[in-house]
Amino acid sequence: MPRIAFKAKGSILLLDLADIVAVQAEGNYVSLQHRPNPYLVHESLSSMAEKLKPYGFIRIHRSVVVNISAVEVIQPLPTGEYRLCVKGGKEYLVTRRHKHNLRDLAQLWIGSERLCG
C-alpha cells in the first residue's frame, strides 16, 4: 500500500494514500482530505497532482484532485459539468476543462460510449 510522508506539527506523518479521498488547494498550502482529520501541507496543488497521478489521483478542478478509488457516484449537471460523490459523502464539482479526466475513473464503461464527455 503506497504511503505519503509529510511534516506536520514538528513530526513526519505517514498516511496510506488509500485513506485520502481528495486534495484541495488552500492558498499556498494543500489540504489532504483524510478521515477523520484533514492535514495542511505546504505544497502547490500542481506539484501534488503530478506526484499523486501515478497513484490514481486525477485533477477535476483547478483547486481539487481526487482519489479515483474514493469516487462512488458521478452526476452529470445541465451545465456540462459533473458532480462527484466520494466515500464519506463529500461532493466535488468537475469543471468542463477537467471532465476528460473522468475516463480514468473506471477501466470499463458499460451501456454508453459517451458517459463522460
C-alpha atoms as a PDB file:
ATOM      1  CA  MET A   1       0.000   0.000   0.000  1.00  0.00           C
ATOM      2  CA  PRO A   2       1.642   3.299  -1.066  1.00  0.00           C
ATOM      3  CA  ARG A   3       2.043   5.923   1.641  1.00  0.00           C
ATOM      4  CA  ILE A   4       2.668   9.651   1.730  1.00  0.00           C
ATOM      5  CA  ALA A   5       5.094  11.243   4.198  1.00  0.00           C
ATOM      6  CA  PHE A   6       4.908  14.919   5.182  1.00  0.00           C
ATOM      7  CA  LYS A   7       5.802  17.254   8.024  1.00  0.00           C
ATOM      8  CA  ALA A   8       3.059  18.265  10.419  1.00  0.00           C
ATOM      9  CA  LYS A   9       3.485  19.931  13.813  1.00  0.00           C
ATOM     10  CA  GLY A  10       7.173  19.097  14.096  1.00  0.00           C
ATOM     11  CA  SER A  11       6.770  15.408  13.203  1.00  0.00           C
ATOM     12  CA  ILE A  12       6.762  13.454   9.976  1.00  0.00           C
ATOM     13  CA  LEU A  13       3.407  11.755   9.442  1.00  0.00           C
ATOM     14  CA  LEU A  14       2.859   8.722   7.236  1.00  0.00           C
ATOM     15  CA  LEU A  15      -0.594   8.158   5.748  1.00  0.00           C
ATOM     16  CA  ASP A  16      -1.918   5.483   3.424  1.00  0.00           C
ATOM     17  CA  LEU A  17      -2.848   7.114   0.116  1.00  0.00           C
ATOM     18  CA  ALA A  18      -5.994   4.971   0.083  1.00  0.00           C
ATOM     19  CA  ASP A  19      -7.235   6.952   3.105  1.00  0.00           C
ATOM     20  CA  ILE A  20      -7.000  10.299   1.300  1.00  0.00           C
ATOM     21  CA  VAL A  21     -10.172  10.994  -0.690  1.00  0.00           C
ATOM     22  CA  ALA A  22      -9.080  14.328  -2.173  1.00  0.00           C
ATOM     23  CA  VAL A  23      -6.513  17.107  -2.094  1.00  0.00           C
ATOM     24  CA  GLN A  24      -7.730  20.723  -2.148  1.00  0.00           C
ATOM     25  CA  ALA A  25      -5.804  23.949  -2.704  1.00  0.00           C
ATOM     26  CA  GLU A  26      -5.852  26.329   0.281  1.00  0.00           C
ATOM     27  CA  GLY A  27      -3.730  29.368  -0.556  1.00  0.00           C
ATOM     28  CA  ASN A  28      -0.045  28.352  -0.525  1.00  0.00           C
ATOM     29  CA  TYR A  29      -0.995  25.012   1.015  1.00  0.00           C
ATOM     30  CA  VAL A  30      -2.952  21.921   0.084  1.00  0.00           C
ATOM     31  CA  SER A  31      -5.427  20.203   2.380  1.00  0.00           C
ATOM     32  CA  LEU A  32      -5.230  16.412   2.377  1.00  0.00           C
ATOM     33  CA  GLN A  33      -8.844  15.307   2.861  1.00  0.00           C
ATOM     34  CA  HIS A  34      -8.199  12.402   5.198  1.00  0.00           C
ATOM     35  CA  ARG A  35     -10.662  10.946   7.673  1.00  0.00           C
ATOM     36  CA  PRO A  36     -11.026  11.847  10.435  1.00  0.00           C
ATOM     37  CA  ASN A  37      -8.635  14.835  10.168  1.00  0.00           C
ATOM     38  CA  PRO A  38      -7.638  16.890   7.138  1.00  0.00           C
ATOM     39  CA  TYR A  39      -3.953  17.908   7.073  1.00  0.00           C
ATOM     40  CA  LEU A  40      -2.434  21.099   5.656  1.00  0.00           C
ATOM     41  CA  VAL A  41       0.807  20.648   3.717  1.00  0.00           C
ATOM     42  CA  HIS A  42       2.987  23.460   2.325  1.00  0.00           C
ATOM     43  CA  GLU A  43       2.969  22.420  -1.340  1.00  0.00           C
ATOM     44  CA  SER A  44       1.304  23.632  -4.544  1.00  0.00           C
ATOM     45  CA  LEU A  45      -1.666  21.705  -5.928  1.00  0.00           C
ATOM     46  CA  SER A  46       0.064  21.368  -9.322  1.00  0.00           C
ATOM     47  CA  SER A  47       3.059  19.731  -7.671  1.00  0.00           C
ATOM     48  CA  MET A  48       0.838  17.407  -5.602  1.00  0.00           C
ATOM     49  CA  ALA A  49      -1.244  16.500  -8.669  1.00  0.00           C
ATOM     50  CA  GLU A  50       1.919  15.429 -10.529  1.00  0.00           C
ATOM     51  CA  LYS A  51       3.232  13.408  -7.583  1.00  0.00           C
ATOM     52  CA  LEU A  52      -0.113  11.679  -6.949  1.00  0.00           C
ATOM     53  CA  LYS A  53      -1.076  10.967 -10.567  1.00  0.00           C
ATOM     54  CA  PRO A  54       0.754   7.592 -10.712  1.00  0.00           C
ATOM     55  CA  TYR A  55      -1.189   6.529  -7.599  1.00  0.00           C
ATOM     56  CA  GLY A  56      -4.683   7.010  -9.033  1.00  0.00           C
ATOM     57  CA  PHE A  57      -5.437  10.678  -8.327  1.00  0.00           C
ATOM     58  CA  ILE A  58      -6.964  12.879 -11.038  1.00  0.00           C
ATOM     59  CA  ARG A  59      -7.433  16.630 -11.377  1.00  0.00           C
ATOM     60  CA  ILE A  60     -11.130  17.554 -11.571  1.00  0.00           C
ATOM     61  CA  HIS A  61     -10.998  21.288 -10.831  1.00  0.00           C
ATOM     62  CA  ARG A  62      -8.299  23.960 -10.705  1.00  0.00           C
ATOM     63  CA  SER A  63      -8.286  23.560  -6.921  1.00  0.00           C
ATOM     64  CA  VAL A  64      -9.161  19.845  -6.431  1.00  0.00           C
ATOM     65  CA  VAL A  65      -7.527  16.469  -7.074  1.00  0.00           C
ATOM     66  CA  VAL A  66      -9.480  13.310  -6.132  1.00  0.00           C
ATOM     67  CA  ASN A  67      -8.539   9.729  -5.383  1.00  0.00           C
ATOM     68  CA  ILE A  68     -10.303   7.715  -8.096  1.00  0.00           C
ATOM     69  CA  SER A  69     -10.814   4.769  -5.739  1.00  0.00           C
ATOM     70  CA  ALA A  70     -12.829   7.023  -3.390  1.00  0.00           C
ATOM     71  CA  VAL A  71     -15.354   8.112  -6.058  1.00  0.00           C
ATOM     72  CA  GLU A  72     -18.726   6.375  -5.717  1.00  0.00           C
ATOM     73  CA  VAL A  73     -21.147   8.373  -7.913  1.00  0.00           C
ATOM     74  CA  ILE A  74     -20.868  10.702 -10.929  1.00  0.00           C
ATOM     75  CA  GLN A  75     -23.795  13.039 -11.556  1.00  0.00           C
ATOM     76  CA  PRO A  76     -23.969  14.928 -14.879  1.00  0.00           C
ATOM     77  CA  LEU A  77     -25.191  18.515 -14.457  1.00  0.00           C
ATOM     78  CA  PRO A  78     -27.137  20.601 -17.019  1.00  0.00           C
ATOM     79  CA  THR A  79     -24.155  22.983 -17.245  1.00  0.00           C
ATOM     80  CA  GLY A  80     -21.939  20.304 -18.836  1.00  0.00           C
ATOM     81  CA  GLU A  81     -20.097  19.879 -15.558  1.00  0.00           C
ATOM     82  CA  TYR A  82     -20.277  16.857 -13.256  1.00  0.00           C
ATOM     83  CA  ARG A  83     -20.634  16.304  -9.528  1.00  0.00           C
ATOM     84  CA  LEU A  84     -18.596  13.553  -7.899  1.00  0.00           C
ATOM     85  CA  CYS A  85     -19.675  11.948  -4.639  1.00  0.00           C
ATOM     86  CA  VAL A  86     -16.836  10.326  -2.703  1.00  0.00           C
ATOM     87  CA  LYS A  87     -16.670   7.956   0.263  1.00  0.00           C
ATOM     88  CA  GLY A  88     -17.824   9.763   3.380  1.00  0.00           C
ATOM     89  CA  GLY A  89     -20.458  11.766   1.488  1.00  0.00           C
ATOM     90  CA  LYS A  90     -18.424  14.786   0.353  1.00  0.00           C
ATOM     91  CA  GLU A  91     -19.179  16.175  -3.110  1.00  0.00           C
ATOM     92  CA  TYR A  92     -16.871  17.869  -5.609  1.00  0.00           C
ATOM     93  CA  LEU A  93     -17.538  19.716  -8.845  1.00  0.00           C
ATOM     94  CA  VAL A  94     -15.808  18.566 -12.010  1.00  0.00           C
ATOM     95  CA  THR A  95     -15.346  21.545 -14.332  1.00  0.00           C
ATOM     96  CA  ARG A  96     -15.690  21.205 -18.108  1.00  0.00           C
ATOM     97  CA  ARG A  97     -11.961  21.846 -18.511  1.00  0.00           C
ATOM     98  CA  HIS A  98     -11.131  18.717 -16.496  1.00  0.00           C
ATOM     99  CA  LYS A  99     -14.036  16.394 -17.354  1.00  0.00           C
ATOM    100  CA  HIS A 100     -11.919  14.374 -19.813  1.00  0.00           C
ATOM    101  CA  ASN A 101     -10.081  13.016 -16.752  1.00  0.00           C
ATOM    102  CA  LEU A 102     -13.279  11.224 -15.675  1.00  0.00           C
ATOM    103  CA  ARG A 103     -12.499   8.489 -18.207  1.00  0.00           C
ATOM    104  CA  ASP A 104      -9.780   7.353 -15.799  1.00  0.00           C
ATOM    105  CA  LEU A 105     -12.322   6.624 -13.041  1.00  0.00           C
ATOM    106  CA  ALA A 106     -13.080   3.144 -14.353  1.00  0.00           C
ATOM    107  CA  GLN A 107     -11.334   0.611 -16.541  1.00  0.00           C
ATOM    108  CA  LEU A 108     -14.646  -0.472 -18.009  1.00  0.00           C
ATOM    109  CA  TRP A 109     -17.618   1.691 -19.010  1.00  0.00           C
ATOM    110  CA  ILE A 110     -20.837  -0.187 -19.810  1.00  0.00           C
ATOM    111  CA  GLY A 111     -24.015   0.909 -21.561  1.00  0.00           C
ATOM    112  CA  SER A 112     -22.855   4.175 -23.104  1.00  0.00           C
ATOM    113  CA  GLU A 113     -19.890   5.218 -25.198  1.00  0.00           C
ATOM    114  CA  ARG A 114     -20.270   8.851 -24.161  1.00  0.00           C
ATOM    115  CA  LEU A 115     -20.821   8.589 -20.444  1.00  0.00           C
ATOM    116  CA  CYS A 116     -18.256  11.236 -19.592  1.00  0.00           C
ATOM    117  CA  GLY A 117     -17.688  13.918 -22.153  1.00  0.00           C
END
